[in-house]
Every structure is written in C-alpha cells, then in structure tokens.
C-alpha cells in the first residue's frame, strides 16, 4: 500500500513536473501529471503563485504556460539536499 504524499512532496512533484517539461508547461497537462483532484490542484496552484514558486508566462498567441521562478528552483535544490540527508542518515 502506498502512502499518501504530504504537502512538501506535492509541491516538489509539481515543480519537478514543470522542470522535466523544459521549465514550461500548460496548466491542463500539469494538472493531469500532478495526479491531484481539480480542487486540490487549484489550491496548490494558487499557493505556489502567491508564494512566487511558479509564474505564469504568456506566448505571442496569449496561451498560458507555467514556469518555475528562481524561488521554485531553489526549493527543488533544497528538497534534494534534504532527501540526501535523510538517506545518508537512514532516517
């Protein structure tokens, strides 16, 4: 049985999905890949925008894309360090 993802894991997963898609993804595929309900995704999306972890970018045709901000990239780096620490000390 798999355990439920906690808040920090979900944020990491969302940022990681964006990063793995060349740092730019449309909102609908991000919702699909994040494996969250529409309401949960909307809540996380709003929080990540408000806290400036992600930003909305519009192309010449007005289509919206989501990109990680510098703060989002920093979160991914620190999260990776924390996972390394946990693994190193077998916690």
Protein backbone atom coordinates (compact mmCIF):
# COMPACT_ATOMS: atom_id res chain seq x y z
CA UNK A 1 0.00 0.00 0.00
CA UNK A 2 1.45 3.35 -0.98
CA UNK A 3 1.48 6.20 1.47
CA UNK A 4 -0.23 9.50 0.83
CA UNK A 5 2.00 12.34 -0.33
CA UNK A 6 2.48 15.14 2.14
CA UNK A 7 2.27 18.82 1.25
CA UNK A 8 6.01 19.26 0.66
CA UNK A 9 6.12 16.22 -1.64
CA UNK A 10 3.21 17.52 -3.71
CA UNK A 11 4.91 20.91 -4.11
CA UNK A 12 8.13 19.14 -5.10
CA UNK A 13 6.26 16.95 -7.58
CA UNK A 14 4.55 19.94 -9.23
CA UNK A 15 7.82 21.86 -9.56
CA UNK A 16 9.61 18.75 -10.78
CA UNK A 17 6.97 18.12 -13.47
CA UNK A 18 7.43 21.67 -14.74
CA UNK A 19 11.22 21.34 -14.71
CA UNK A 20 11.08 17.99 -16.55
CA UNK A 21 9.00 19.65 -19.30
CA UNK A 22 11.72 22.11 -20.27
CA UNK A 23 10.66 24.55 -17.50
CA UNK A 24 7.39 25.34 -19.23
CA UNK A 25 4.06 23.52 -19.25
CA UNK A 26 0.42 24.38 -19.85
CA UNK A 27 -1.91 24.22 -16.82
CA UNK A 28 -4.03 21.27 -18.04
CA UNK A 29 -1.14 18.82 -18.59
CA UNK A 30 0.33 19.94 -15.26
CA UNK A 31 -2.97 19.07 -13.58
CA UNK A 32 -3.00 15.64 -15.23
CA UNK A 33 0.62 14.80 -14.40
CA UNK A 34 0.32 16.02 -10.81
CA UNK A 35 -2.22 13.30 -10.02
CA UNK A 36 -4.37 15.64 -7.90
CA UNK A 37 -8.07 16.39 -7.94
CA UNK A 38 -9.03 19.60 -9.71
CA UNK A 39 -9.78 21.32 -6.39
CA UNK A 40 -6.53 20.21 -4.72
CA UNK A 41 -4.57 21.27 -7.78
CA UNK A 42 -6.27 24.68 -7.77
CA UNK A 43 -5.37 25.15 -4.10
CA UNK A 44 -1.71 24.23 -4.63
CA UNK A 45 -1.53 26.29 -7.82
CA UNK A 46 -2.88 29.36 -6.05
CA UNK A 47 -0.43 28.91 -3.17
CA UNK A 48 2.55 28.45 -5.49
CA UNK A 49 1.62 31.60 -7.44
CA UNK A 50 1.09 33.63 -4.26
CA UNK A 51 4.40 32.48 -2.77
CA UNK A 52 6.15 33.07 -6.12
CA UNK A 53 7.36 29.49 -6.62
CA UNK A 54 5.88 29.50 -10.11
CA UNK A 55 4.94 32.18 -12.61
CA UNK A 56 2.52 32.41 -15.48
CA UNK A 57 4.04 33.23 -18.87
CA UNK A 58 2.01 34.01 -21.98
CA UNK A 59 3.21 33.35 -25.52
CA UNK A 60 2.55 35.59 -28.53
CA UNK A 61 -0.83 33.93 -29.09
CA UNK A 62 -1.88 34.53 -25.48
CA UNK A 63 -1.56 30.90 -24.38
CA UNK A 64 -0.65 30.47 -20.73
CA UNK A 65 2.39 28.45 -19.66
CA UNK A 66 3.63 27.76 -16.15
CA UNK A 67 7.33 28.17 -15.34
CA UNK A 68 9.24 27.81 -12.10
CA UNK A 69 10.64 31.00 -10.62
CA UNK A 70 14.10 31.29 -9.07
CA UNK A 71 12.45 30.56 -5.73
CA UNK A 72 10.94 27.39 -7.24
CA UNK A 73 14.34 26.21 -8.49
CA UNK A 74 15.81 26.91 -5.06
CA UNK A 75 13.06 24.82 -3.44
CA UNK A 76 13.92 21.87 -5.71
CA UNK A 77 17.62 22.11 -4.81
CA UNK A 78 16.97 22.29 -1.07
CA UNK A 79 14.42 19.47 -1.22
CA UNK A 80 17.02 17.29 -2.95
CA UNK A 81 19.53 18.15 -0.20
CA UNK A 82 17.02 17.19 2.49
CA UNK A 83 16.34 13.85 0.78
CA UNK A 84 20.09 13.24 0.60
CA UNK A 85 20.41 13.99 4.31
CA UNK A 86 17.56 11.60 5.17
CA UNK A 87 19.06 8.87 3.03
CA UNK A 88 22.57 9.40 4.39
CA UNK A 89 21.43 9.00 7.99
CA UNK A 90 18.93 6.25 7.13
CA UNK A 91 16.02 8.15 8.66
